Amino acid sequence: MLTMKDIVREGDPVLRQVAKEVPLPANKEDIQTLQKMLEFVINSQDPDLAEKYELRPGVGVAAPQIGISKRMFAIHVTDEQDQLYSMGLFNPRIVSHSIEETHLEGGEGCLSVDRDIQGNVPRYSRITVKGTNLNGEDVTLRLRGLVAIVFQHELDHLNGIMFYDRIEGFQDKLKKDLPNLHA
């Protein structure tokens, strides 16, 4: 079972690498890793398990966040219509997106970031994503709202991008604070 001890924190170089494609069909090890990632996200949202294992609640986790530079992530999030999106995907990619942008009120957080970072993170309002699920099936998903934001956040991890890289003016502030960050 994955715990917060398995989560790589900001400053680790793996979070800035572009992750490698997962050869398909996925091997047993990659499938087991992705299943554990999905289990982690589900467990993190269960108040009893989260308290017992000291898990921070999360709606998604990408392989680089557990130190594995491979293009796979798991999400467990409910959209505005109460539809649950609970899945692991190999090699997810955006194949189309809206011009319109959105953001989460109150900003985004990240399991790999142990500090509160203020600012709007611009995201596409609607996206179409393709990938391969844990059963080896190719899937196409049309997403909007919160679920689209979560997918884009996790996709960014696969490209070495942290959510605060997208906050306007944040990089200037980060350069000033950099000596205070610990790796």
N, C-alpha and C. Protein backbone atom coordinates (compact mmCIF):
# COMPACT_ATOMS: atom_id res chain seq x y z
N MET A 1 0.84 -1.19 0.00
CA MET A 1 0.00 0.00 0.00
C MET A 1 0.88 1.25 0.00
N LEU A 2 0.55 2.19 -0.88
CA LEU A 2 1.29 3.45 -0.92
C LEU A 2 0.83 4.35 0.22
N THR A 3 1.78 5.13 0.77
CA THR A 3 1.47 6.12 1.80
C THR A 3 2.15 7.43 1.42
N MET A 4 2.00 8.45 2.26
CA MET A 4 2.63 9.74 1.98
C MET A 4 4.16 9.62 1.94
N LYS A 5 4.71 8.60 2.59
CA LYS A 5 6.17 8.39 2.53
C LYS A 5 6.63 8.07 1.11
N ASP A 6 5.71 7.55 0.29
CA ASP A 6 6.04 7.21 -1.10
C ASP A 6 5.94 8.39 -2.05
N ILE A 7 5.33 9.48 -1.59
CA ILE A 7 5.11 10.65 -2.45
C ILE A 7 6.37 11.50 -2.50
N VAL A 8 6.87 11.73 -3.70
CA VAL A 8 8.05 12.56 -3.94
C VAL A 8 7.64 14.02 -3.77
N ARG A 9 8.49 14.80 -3.08
CA ARG A 9 8.17 16.20 -2.83
C ARG A 9 8.87 17.13 -3.81
N GLU A 10 8.32 18.35 -3.94
CA GLU A 10 8.89 19.33 -4.86
C GLU A 10 10.36 19.52 -4.57
N GLY A 11 11.11 19.72 -5.62
CA GLY A 11 12.56 19.80 -5.52
C GLY A 11 13.23 18.53 -6.04
N ASP A 12 12.49 17.41 -6.03
CA ASP A 12 13.03 16.16 -6.58
C ASP A 12 13.06 16.27 -8.10
N PRO A 13 14.19 15.97 -8.73
CA PRO A 13 14.30 16.12 -10.19
C PRO A 13 13.29 15.32 -11.00
N VAL A 14 12.78 14.19 -10.49
CA VAL A 14 11.84 13.37 -11.26
C VAL A 14 10.57 14.16 -11.58
N LEU A 15 10.22 15.14 -10.73
CA LEU A 15 9.01 15.93 -10.97
C LEU A 15 9.17 16.91 -12.14
N ARG A 16 10.40 17.12 -12.57
CA ARG A 16 10.66 18.05 -13.68
C ARG A 16 11.02 17.33 -14.98
N GLN A 17 10.99 16.01 -14.97
CA GLN A 17 11.31 15.24 -16.18
C GLN A 17 10.04 15.01 -17.00
N VAL A 18 10.21 14.90 -18.30
CA VAL A 18 9.12 14.45 -19.16
C VAL A 18 9.12 12.92 -19.06
N ALA A 19 8.00 12.38 -18.58
CA ALA A 19 7.90 10.94 -18.35
C ALA A 19 7.88 10.17 -19.67
N LYS A 20 8.36 8.94 -19.60
CA LYS A 20 8.43 8.08 -20.79
C LYS A 20 7.10 7.34 -21.01
N GLU A 21 6.80 7.10 -22.29
CA GLU A 21 5.60 6.31 -22.65
C GLU A 21 5.69 4.92 -22.01
N VAL A 22 4.54 4.39 -21.65
CA VAL A 22 4.47 3.03 -21.13
C VAL A 22 4.26 2.10 -22.32
N PRO A 23 5.15 1.13 -22.55
CA PRO A 23 4.93 0.17 -23.64
C PRO A 23 3.62 -0.59 -23.39
N LEU A 24 2.81 -0.68 -24.44
CA LEU A 24 1.52 -1.38 -24.33
C LEU A 24 1.55 -2.66 -25.15
N PRO A 25 0.89 -3.71 -24.73
CA PRO A 25 0.14 -3.77 -23.48
C PRO A 25 1.07 -3.64 -22.28
N ALA A 26 0.54 -3.00 -21.23
CA ALA A 26 1.34 -2.75 -20.03
C ALA A 26 1.77 -4.07 -19.39
N ASN A 27 2.97 -4.07 -18.84
CA ASN A 27 3.44 -5.28 -18.15
C ASN A 27 2.82 -5.37 -16.75
N LYS A 28 2.99 -6.50 -16.13
CA LYS A 28 2.37 -6.78 -14.83
C LYS A 28 2.81 -5.75 -13.78
N GLU A 29 4.09 -5.39 -13.78
CA GLU A 29 4.60 -4.43 -12.80
C GLU A 29 3.93 -3.06 -12.95
N ASP A 30 3.81 -2.58 -14.20
CA ASP A 30 3.17 -1.28 -14.43
C ASP A 30 1.70 -1.31 -14.03
N ILE A 31 1.01 -2.40 -14.34
CA ILE A 31 -0.40 -2.54 -13.96
C ILE A 31 -0.54 -2.52 -12.44
N GLN A 32 0.31 -3.27 -11.75
CA GLN A 32 0.25 -3.31 -10.28
C GLN A 32 0.56 -1.94 -9.69
N THR A 33 1.53 -1.23 -10.25
CA THR A 33 1.87 0.11 -9.76
C THR A 33 0.68 1.05 -9.93
N LEU A 34 0.06 1.03 -11.10
CA LEU A 34 -1.08 1.91 -11.36
C LEU A 34 -2.27 1.54 -10.47
N GLN A 35 -2.48 0.26 -10.22
CA GLN A 35 -3.54 -0.15 -9.30
C GLN A 35 -3.27 0.37 -7.88
N LYS A 36 -2.02 0.33 -7.44
CA LYS A 36 -1.66 0.85 -6.12
C LYS A 36 -1.86 2.36 -6.06
N MET A 37 -1.57 3.05 -7.17
CA MET A 37 -1.78 4.50 -7.21
C MET A 37 -3.28 4.82 -7.07
N LEU A 38 -4.12 4.07 -7.77
CA LEU A 38 -5.56 4.29 -7.67
C LEU A 38 -6.04 3.98 -6.25
N GLU A 39 -5.55 2.91 -5.69
CA GLU A 39 -5.91 2.55 -4.32
C GLU A 39 -5.51 3.66 -3.34
N PHE A 40 -4.33 4.26 -3.56
CA PHE A 40 -3.87 5.35 -2.70
C PHE A 40 -4.86 6.51 -2.74
N VAL A 41 -5.26 6.93 -3.95
CA VAL A 41 -6.16 8.08 -4.06
C VAL A 41 -7.51 7.77 -3.40
N ILE A 42 -8.03 6.57 -3.62
CA ILE A 42 -9.30 6.17 -3.00
C ILE A 42 -9.15 6.17 -1.48
N ASN A 43 -8.08 5.55 -0.97
CA ASN A 43 -7.85 5.50 0.48
C ASN A 43 -7.70 6.89 1.08
N SER A 44 -7.06 7.79 0.34
CA SER A 44 -6.80 9.14 0.87
C SER A 44 -8.09 9.91 1.10
N GLN A 45 -9.17 9.50 0.42
CA GLN A 45 -10.46 10.18 0.56
C GLN A 45 -11.35 9.52 1.62
N ASP A 46 -10.91 8.39 2.16
CA ASP A 46 -11.65 7.71 3.22
C ASP A 46 -11.15 8.27 4.55
N PRO A 47 -12.01 8.99 5.30
CA PRO A 47 -11.54 9.65 6.52
C PRO A 47 -10.84 8.71 7.51
N ASP A 48 -11.35 7.50 7.68
CA ASP A 48 -10.75 6.56 8.63
C ASP A 48 -9.38 6.09 8.17
N LEU A 49 -9.29 5.69 6.90
CA LEU A 49 -8.00 5.23 6.37
C LEU A 49 -6.99 6.38 6.30
N ALA A 50 -7.46 7.56 5.91
CA ALA A 50 -6.57 8.72 5.82
C ALA A 50 -5.97 9.04 7.18
N GLU A 51 -6.80 8.97 8.21
CA GLU A 51 -6.28 9.24 9.56
C GLU A 51 -5.34 8.13 10.01
N LYS A 52 -5.74 6.89 9.81
CA LYS A 52 -4.94 5.74 10.26
C LYS A 52 -3.55 5.74 9.63
N TYR A 53 -3.48 6.03 8.32
CA TYR A 53 -2.20 5.96 7.60
C TYR A 53 -1.59 7.34 7.32
N GLU A 54 -2.18 8.39 7.92
CA GLU A 54 -1.70 9.76 7.76
C GLU A 54 -1.59 10.16 6.29
N LEU A 55 -2.68 9.95 5.55
CA LEU A 55 -2.73 10.28 4.13
C LEU A 55 -3.35 11.66 3.94
N ARG A 56 -2.74 12.48 3.09
CA ARG A 56 -3.38 13.73 2.70
C ARG A 56 -4.40 13.41 1.62
N PRO A 57 -5.61 13.96 1.72
CA PRO A 57 -6.61 13.68 0.69
C PRO A 57 -6.16 14.19 -0.68
N GLY A 58 -6.38 13.36 -1.69
CA GLY A 58 -6.04 13.74 -3.06
C GLY A 58 -7.07 13.19 -4.02
N VAL A 59 -7.17 13.81 -5.19
CA VAL A 59 -8.08 13.32 -6.23
C VAL A 59 -7.33 12.68 -7.38
N GLY A 60 -6.00 12.81 -7.36
CA GLY A 60 -5.20 12.20 -8.41
C GLY A 60 -3.76 12.08 -7.99
N VAL A 61 -3.06 11.16 -8.64
CA VAL A 61 -1.62 11.01 -8.42
C VAL A 61 -1.00 10.49 -9.72
N ALA A 62 0.12 11.08 -10.09
CA ALA A 62 0.83 10.68 -11.31
C ALA A 62 2.08 9.90 -10.92
N ALA A 63 2.51 9.00 -11.80
CA ALA A 63 3.66 8.14 -11.51
C ALA A 63 4.91 8.93 -11.09
N PRO A 64 5.23 10.08 -11.71
CA PRO A 64 6.41 10.81 -11.24
C PRO A 64 6.31 11.19 -9.75
N GLN A 65 5.11 11.33 -9.24
CA GLN A 65 4.94 11.69 -7.83
C GLN A 65 5.32 10.55 -6.88
N ILE A 66 5.47 9.35 -7.42
CA ILE A 66 6.00 8.25 -6.60
C ILE A 66 7.38 7.83 -7.12
N GLY A 67 8.02 8.74 -7.84
CA GLY A 67 9.40 8.53 -8.27
C GLY A 67 9.56 7.69 -9.52
N ILE A 68 8.47 7.47 -10.26
CA ILE A 68 8.52 6.65 -11.48
C ILE A 68 8.22 7.53 -12.69
N SER A 69 9.20 7.71 -13.54
CA SER A 69 9.05 8.60 -14.69
C SER A 69 8.40 7.87 -15.87
N LYS A 70 7.12 7.53 -15.68
CA LYS A 70 6.33 6.85 -16.73
C LYS A 70 5.00 7.58 -16.88
N ARG A 71 4.46 7.54 -18.09
CA ARG A 71 3.23 8.26 -18.41
C ARG A 71 2.00 7.47 -17.96
N MET A 72 1.70 7.60 -16.67
CA MET A 72 0.50 6.98 -16.12
C MET A 72 0.07 7.74 -14.88
N PHE A 73 -1.24 7.82 -14.69
CA PHE A 73 -1.77 8.44 -13.49
C PHE A 73 -3.10 7.81 -13.11
N ALA A 74 -3.50 8.06 -11.86
CA ALA A 74 -4.77 7.57 -11.34
C ALA A 74 -5.57 8.75 -10.81
N ILE A 75 -6.88 8.70 -11.04
CA ILE A 75 -7.76 9.73 -10.48
C ILE A 75 -8.96 9.07 -9.83
N HIS A 76 -9.52 9.76 -8.86
CA HIS A 76 -10.75 9.34 -8.19
C HIS A 76 -11.45 10.63 -7.79
N VAL A 77 -12.37 11.07 -8.64
CA VAL A 77 -13.01 12.38 -8.44
C VAL A 77 -14.43 12.33 -9.00
N THR A 78 -15.32 13.06 -8.34
CA THR A 78 -16.72 13.15 -8.76
C THR A 78 -16.95 14.50 -9.41
N ASP A 79 -17.65 14.49 -10.56
CA ASP A 79 -17.92 15.75 -11.25
C ASP A 79 -19.15 16.45 -10.66
N GLU A 80 -19.48 17.56 -11.26
CA GLU A 80 -20.59 18.39 -10.78
C GLU A 80 -21.95 17.69 -10.89
N GLN A 81 -22.06 16.65 -11.70
CA GLN A 81 -23.30 15.87 -11.83
C GLN A 81 -23.25 14.59 -11.00
N ASP A 82 -22.31 14.50 -10.08
CA ASP A 82 -22.15 13.35 -9.20
C ASP A 82 -21.73 12.08 -9.93
N GLN A 83 -21.12 12.22 -11.10
CA GLN A 83 -20.57 11.06 -11.80
C GLN A 83 -19.14 10.84 -11.31
N LEU A 84 -18.86 9.62 -10.87
CA LEU A 84 -17.53 9.29 -10.37
C LEU A 84 -16.61 8.89 -11.51
N TYR A 85 -15.43 9.49 -11.53
CA TYR A 85 -14.36 9.11 -12.45
C TYR A 85 -13.27 8.48 -11.58
N SER A 86 -13.18 7.16 -11.61
CA SER A 86 -12.21 6.44 -10.80
C SER A 86 -11.47 5.49 -11.72
N MET A 87 -10.23 5.84 -12.05
CA MET A 87 -9.51 5.05 -13.06
C MET A 87 -8.02 5.31 -13.03
N GLY A 88 -7.30 4.37 -13.60
CA GLY A 88 -5.90 4.54 -13.90
C GLY A 88 -5.75 4.56 -15.41
N LEU A 89 -4.90 5.44 -15.91
CA LEU A 89 -4.68 5.53 -17.36
C LEU A 89 -3.19 5.47 -17.69
N PHE A 90 -2.90 4.72 -18.75
CA PHE A 90 -1.56 4.68 -19.32
C PHE A 90 -1.54 5.61 -20.53
N ASN A 91 -0.45 6.35 -20.68
CA ASN A 91 -0.21 7.22 -21.84
C ASN A 91 -1.39 8.15 -22.16
N PRO A 92 -1.96 8.81 -21.14
CA PRO A 92 -3.08 9.72 -21.43
C PRO A 92 -2.58 10.94 -22.19
N ARG A 93 -3.44 11.47 -23.04
CA ARG A 93 -3.09 12.68 -23.79
C ARG A 93 -4.36 13.44 -24.16
N ILE A 94 -4.22 14.75 -24.25
CA ILE A 94 -5.32 15.59 -24.70
C ILE A 94 -5.29 15.60 -26.22
N VAL A 95 -6.44 15.25 -26.84
CA VAL A 95 -6.51 15.25 -28.30
C VAL A 95 -7.25 16.47 -28.83
N SER A 96 -8.04 17.13 -27.96
CA SER A 96 -8.65 18.40 -28.32
C SER A 96 -9.06 19.12 -27.05
N HIS A 97 -9.21 20.44 -27.17
CA HIS A 97 -9.58 21.25 -26.01
C HIS A 97 -10.31 22.51 -26.45
N SER A 98 -11.03 23.09 -25.51
CA SER A 98 -11.74 24.33 -25.77
C SER A 98 -10.76 25.49 -25.79
N ILE A 99 -11.18 26.59 -26.36
CA ILE A 99 -10.40 27.83 -26.27
C ILE A 99 -10.67 28.45 -24.90
N GLU A 100 -11.90 28.31 -24.44
CA GLU A 100 -12.31 28.86 -23.15
C GLU A 100 -11.49 28.22 -22.03
N GLU A 101 -11.12 29.07 -21.07
CA GLU A 101 -10.36 28.59 -19.92
C GLU A 101 -11.18 28.72 -18.64
N THR A 102 -10.75 28.01 -17.63
CA THR A 102 -11.38 28.04 -16.32
C THR A 102 -10.29 27.88 -15.27
N HIS A 103 -10.66 27.90 -14.02
CA HIS A 103 -9.72 27.63 -12.92
C HIS A 103 -10.53 27.24 -11.69
N LEU A 104 -9.85 26.62 -10.75
CA LEU A 104 -10.49 26.27 -9.48
C LEU A 104 -10.48 27.50 -8.58
N GLU A 105 -11.66 27.85 -8.06
CA GLU A 105 -11.71 28.93 -7.08
C GLU A 105 -10.89 28.48 -5.88
N GLY A 106 -10.03 29.33 -5.39
CA GLY A 106 -9.19 28.96 -4.25
C GLY A 106 -7.88 28.32 -4.65
N GLY A 107 -7.68 28.10 -5.95
CA GLY A 107 -6.42 27.55 -6.44
C GLY A 107 -6.34 26.03 -6.34
N GLU A 108 -5.21 25.50 -6.77
CA GLU A 108 -4.98 24.06 -6.76
C GLU A 108 -3.98 23.70 -5.67
N GLY A 109 -3.99 22.43 -5.30
CA GLY A 109 -3.01 21.89 -4.37
C GLY A 109 -2.38 20.68 -5.02
N CYS A 110 -1.41 20.10 -4.33
CA CYS A 110 -0.68 18.97 -4.90
C CYS A 110 -0.08 18.15 -3.77
N LEU A 111 -0.18 16.84 -3.88
CA LEU A 111 0.39 15.95 -2.86
C LEU A 111 1.90 16.12 -2.74
N SER A 112 2.55 16.59 -3.80
CA SER A 112 4.01 16.76 -3.80
C SER A 112 4.44 18.14 -3.29
N VAL A 113 3.48 18.99 -2.98
CA VAL A 113 3.77 20.35 -2.52
C VAL A 113 3.23 20.51 -1.11
N ASP A 114 4.13 20.72 -0.16
CA ASP A 114 3.75 20.80 1.26
C ASP A 114 3.50 22.22 1.75
N ARG A 115 3.16 23.11 0.83
CA ARG A 115 2.88 24.49 1.23
C ARG A 115 1.68 24.98 0.45
N ASP A 116 1.02 25.98 1.01
CA ASP A 116 -0.15 26.57 0.37
C ASP A 116 0.32 27.59 -0.65
N ILE A 117 -0.11 27.44 -1.90
CA ILE A 117 0.29 28.38 -2.94
C ILE A 117 -0.97 29.01 -3.51
N GLN A 118 -1.05 30.33 -3.40
CA GLN A 118 -2.22 31.08 -3.87
C GLN A 118 -2.06 31.43 -5.34
N GLY A 119 -3.19 31.53 -6.02
CA GLY A 119 -3.18 31.97 -7.41
C GLY A 119 -4.05 31.09 -8.28
N ASN A 120 -4.61 31.70 -9.31
CA ASN A 120 -5.43 30.96 -10.26
C ASN A 120 -4.55 30.22 -11.25
N VAL A 121 -4.89 28.95 -11.47
CA VAL A 121 -4.16 28.11 -12.42
C VAL A 121 -5.05 27.97 -13.65
N PRO A 122 -4.71 28.65 -14.75
CA PRO A 122 -5.58 28.56 -15.94
C PRO A 122 -5.56 27.16 -16.55
N ARG A 123 -6.76 26.67 -16.84
CA ARG A 123 -6.93 25.34 -17.45
C ARG A 123 -7.99 25.46 -18.55
N TYR A 124 -7.94 24.52 -19.50
CA TYR A 124 -8.99 24.47 -20.51
C TYR A 124 -10.30 24.06 -19.84
N SER A 125 -11.39 24.68 -20.27
CA SER A 125 -12.71 24.34 -19.69
C SER A 125 -13.17 22.95 -20.08
N ARG A 126 -12.88 22.56 -21.33
CA ARG A 126 -13.30 21.25 -21.83
C ARG A 126 -12.13 20.61 -22.56
N ILE A 127 -11.98 19.30 -22.34
CA ILE A 127 -10.92 18.56 -23.03
C ILE A 127 -11.45 17.21 -23.48
N THR A 128 -10.82 16.67 -24.50
CA THR A 128 -11.04 15.28 -24.90
C THR A 128 -9.71 14.57 -24.69
N VAL A 129 -9.77 13.48 -23.94
CA VAL A 129 -8.57 12.74 -23.55
C VAL A 129 -8.64 11.32 -24.10
N LYS A 130 -7.50 10.82 -24.55
CA LYS A 130 -7.39 9.41 -24.94
C LYS A 130 -6.30 8.78 -24.09
N GLY A 131 -6.48 7.50 -23.81
CA GLY A 131 -5.50 6.76 -23.04
C GLY A 131 -5.90 5.29 -23.01
N THR A 132 -5.18 4.52 -22.25
CA THR A 132 -5.45 3.08 -22.11
C THR A 132 -5.70 2.81 -20.63
N ASN A 133 -6.82 2.15 -20.32
CA ASN A 133 -7.16 1.92 -18.91
C ASN A 133 -6.46 0.67 -18.36
N LEU A 134 -6.74 0.37 -17.10
CA LEU A 134 -6.09 -0.77 -16.43
C LEU A 134 -6.44 -2.11 -17.06
N ASN A 135 -7.57 -2.17 -17.78
CA ASN A 135 -7.96 -3.41 -18.47
C ASN A 135 -7.35 -3.52 -19.86
N GLY A 136 -6.51 -2.55 -20.24
CA GLY A 136 -5.88 -2.58 -21.55
C GLY A 136 -6.77 -2.06 -22.66
N GLU A 137 -7.89 -1.42 -22.30
CA GLU A 137 -8.83 -0.89 -23.30
C GLU A 137 -8.49 0.56 -23.61
N ASP A 138 -8.54 0.91 -24.91
CA ASP A 138 -8.38 2.30 -25.30
C ASP A 138 -9.65 3.05 -24.96
N VAL A 139 -9.50 4.21 -24.32
CA VAL A 139 -10.66 4.99 -23.92
C VAL A 139 -10.54 6.42 -24.45
N THR A 140 -11.68 7.01 -24.74
CA THR A 140 -11.77 8.42 -25.10
C THR A 140 -12.78 9.05 -24.15
N LEU A 141 -12.37 10.12 -23.49
CA LEU A 141 -13.22 10.79 -22.51
C LEU A 141 -13.38 12.25 -22.87
N ARG A 142 -14.61 12.72 -22.85
CA ARG A 142 -14.90 14.15 -23.02
C ARG A 142 -15.19 14.70 -21.64
N LEU A 143 -14.36 15.63 -21.19
CA LEU A 143 -14.43 16.10 -19.81
C LEU A 143 -14.59 17.60 -19.75
N ARG A 144 -15.25 18.03 -18.67
CA ARG A 144 -15.41 19.46 -18.42
C ARG A 144 -15.37 19.69 -16.91
N GLY A 145 -15.21 20.95 -16.53
CA GLY A 145 -15.26 21.30 -15.11
C GLY A 145 -14.13 20.70 -14.30
N LEU A 146 -14.47 20.31 -13.06
CA LEU A 146 -13.47 19.81 -12.12
C LEU A 146 -12.68 18.63 -12.66
N VAL A 147 -13.36 17.68 -13.29
CA VAL A 147 -12.66 16.48 -13.78
C VAL A 147 -11.64 16.87 -14.86
N ALA A 148 -11.99 17.81 -15.72
CA ALA A 148 -11.05 18.28 -16.76
C ALA A 148 -9.84 18.94 -16.11
N ILE A 149 -10.07 19.70 -15.04
CA ILE A 149 -8.97 20.36 -14.33
C ILE A 149 -8.05 19.31 -13.70
N VAL A 150 -8.63 18.30 -13.06
CA VAL A 150 -7.83 17.24 -12.43
C VAL A 150 -6.98 16.52 -13.48
N PHE A 151 -7.59 16.17 -14.61
CA PHE A 151 -6.83 15.49 -15.67
C PHE A 151 -5.66 16.36 -16.14
N GLN A 152 -5.90 17.65 -16.32
CA GLN A 152 -4.83 18.53 -16.80
C GLN A 152 -3.71 18.66 -15.76
N HIS A 153 -4.08 18.70 -14.49
CA HIS A 153 -3.07 18.76 -13.42
C HIS A 153 -2.18 17.52 -13.47
N GLU A 154 -2.81 16.34 -13.59
CA GLU A 154 -2.03 15.09 -13.62
C GLU A 154 -1.22 14.98 -14.92
N LEU A 155 -1.80 15.40 -16.04
CA LEU A 155 -1.05 15.39 -17.31
C LEU A 155 0.19 16.29 -17.21
N ASP A 156 0.04 17.43 -16.54
CA ASP A 156 1.19 18.31 -16.35
C ASP A 156 2.33 17.58 -15.64
N HIS A 157 2.00 16.76 -14.64
CA HIS A 157 3.05 16.01 -13.94
C HIS A 157 3.82 15.12 -14.90
N LEU A 158 3.15 14.58 -15.89
CA LEU A 158 3.82 13.70 -16.86
C LEU A 158 4.75 14.48 -17.79
N ASN A 159 4.56 15.80 -17.82
CA ASN A 159 5.39 16.66 -18.67
C ASN A 159 6.36 17.52 -17.87
N GLY A 160 6.54 17.19 -16.59
CA GLY A 160 7.49 17.92 -15.76
C GLY A 160 7.03 19.31 -15.36
N ILE A 161 5.73 19.54 -15.38
CA ILE A 161 5.17 20.85 -15.06
C ILE A 161 4.44 20.78 -13.71
N MET A 162 4.75 21.72 -12.83
CA MET A 162 4.04 21.85 -11.56
C MET A 162 2.92 22.86 -11.74
N PHE A 163 1.85 22.70 -10.96
CA PHE A 163 0.68 23.57 -11.15
C PHE A 163 1.03 25.05 -11.01
N TYR A 164 1.97 25.38 -10.11
CA TYR A 164 2.29 26.79 -9.90
C TYR A 164 3.08 27.39 -11.05
N ASP A 165 3.61 26.55 -11.95
CA ASP A 165 4.28 27.07 -13.15
C ASP A 165 3.28 27.84 -14.01
N ARG A 166 2.00 27.55 -13.86
CA ARG A 166 0.96 28.17 -14.68
C ARG A 166 0.36 29.43 -14.05
N ILE A 167 0.73 29.73 -12.81
CA ILE A 167 0.21 30.92 -12.13
C ILE A 167 0.98 32.14 -12.61
N GLU A 168 0.27 33.10 -13.15
CA GLU A 168 0.91 34.29 -13.69
C GLU A 168 1.73 35.01 -12.62
N GLY A 169 3.00 35.28 -12.93
CA GLY A 169 3.88 36.00 -12.02
C GLY A 169 4.49 35.15 -10.92
N PHE A 170 4.11 33.87 -10.84
CA PHE A 170 4.60 33.05 -9.73
C PHE A 170 6.09 32.74 -9.85
N GLN A 171 6.59 32.56 -11.06
CA GLN A 171 8.01 32.21 -11.23
C GLN A 171 8.93 33.30 -10.67
N ASP A 172 8.53 34.57 -10.82
CA ASP A 172 9.35 35.65 -10.27
C ASP A 172 9.41 35.54 -8.75
N LYS A 173 8.27 35.26 -8.12
CA LYS A 173 8.21 35.09 -6.67
C LYS A 173 9.02 33.85 -6.26
N LEU A 174 8.91 32.77 -7.05
CA LEU A 174 9.62 31.53 -6.73
C LEU A 174 11.13 31.75 -6.71
N LYS A 175 11.64 32.51 -7.65
CA LYS A 175 13.09 32.76 -7.71
C LYS A 175 13.57 33.44 -6.43
N LYS A 176 12.74 34.34 -5.89
CA LYS A 176 13.10 35.01 -4.64
C LYS A 176 13.10 34.02 -3.47
N ASP A 177 12.12 33.10 -3.49
CA ASP A 177 11.94 32.14 -2.39
C ASP A 177 12.83 30.91 -2.52
N LEU A 178 13.43 30.69 -3.70
CA LEU A 178 14.15 29.44 -3.98
C LEU A 178 15.16 29.06 -2.91
N PRO A 179 15.94 29.99 -2.37
CA PRO A 179 16.91 29.57 -1.35
C PRO A 179 16.23 28.97 -0.12
N ASN A 180 14.95 29.28 0.09
CA ASN A 180 14.25 28.78 1.26
C ASN A 180 13.62 27.39 1.02
N LEU A 181 13.56 26.96 -0.24
CA LEU A 181 12.99 25.65 -0.53
C LEU A 181 14.01 24.56 -0.22
N HIS A 182 13.54 23.47 0.31
CA HIS A 182 14.43 22.34 0.56
C HIS A 182 14.13 21.24 -0.45
N ALA A 183 15.18 20.59 -0.89
CA ALA A 183 15.01 19.53 -1.89
C ALA A 183 14.55 18.26 -1.24
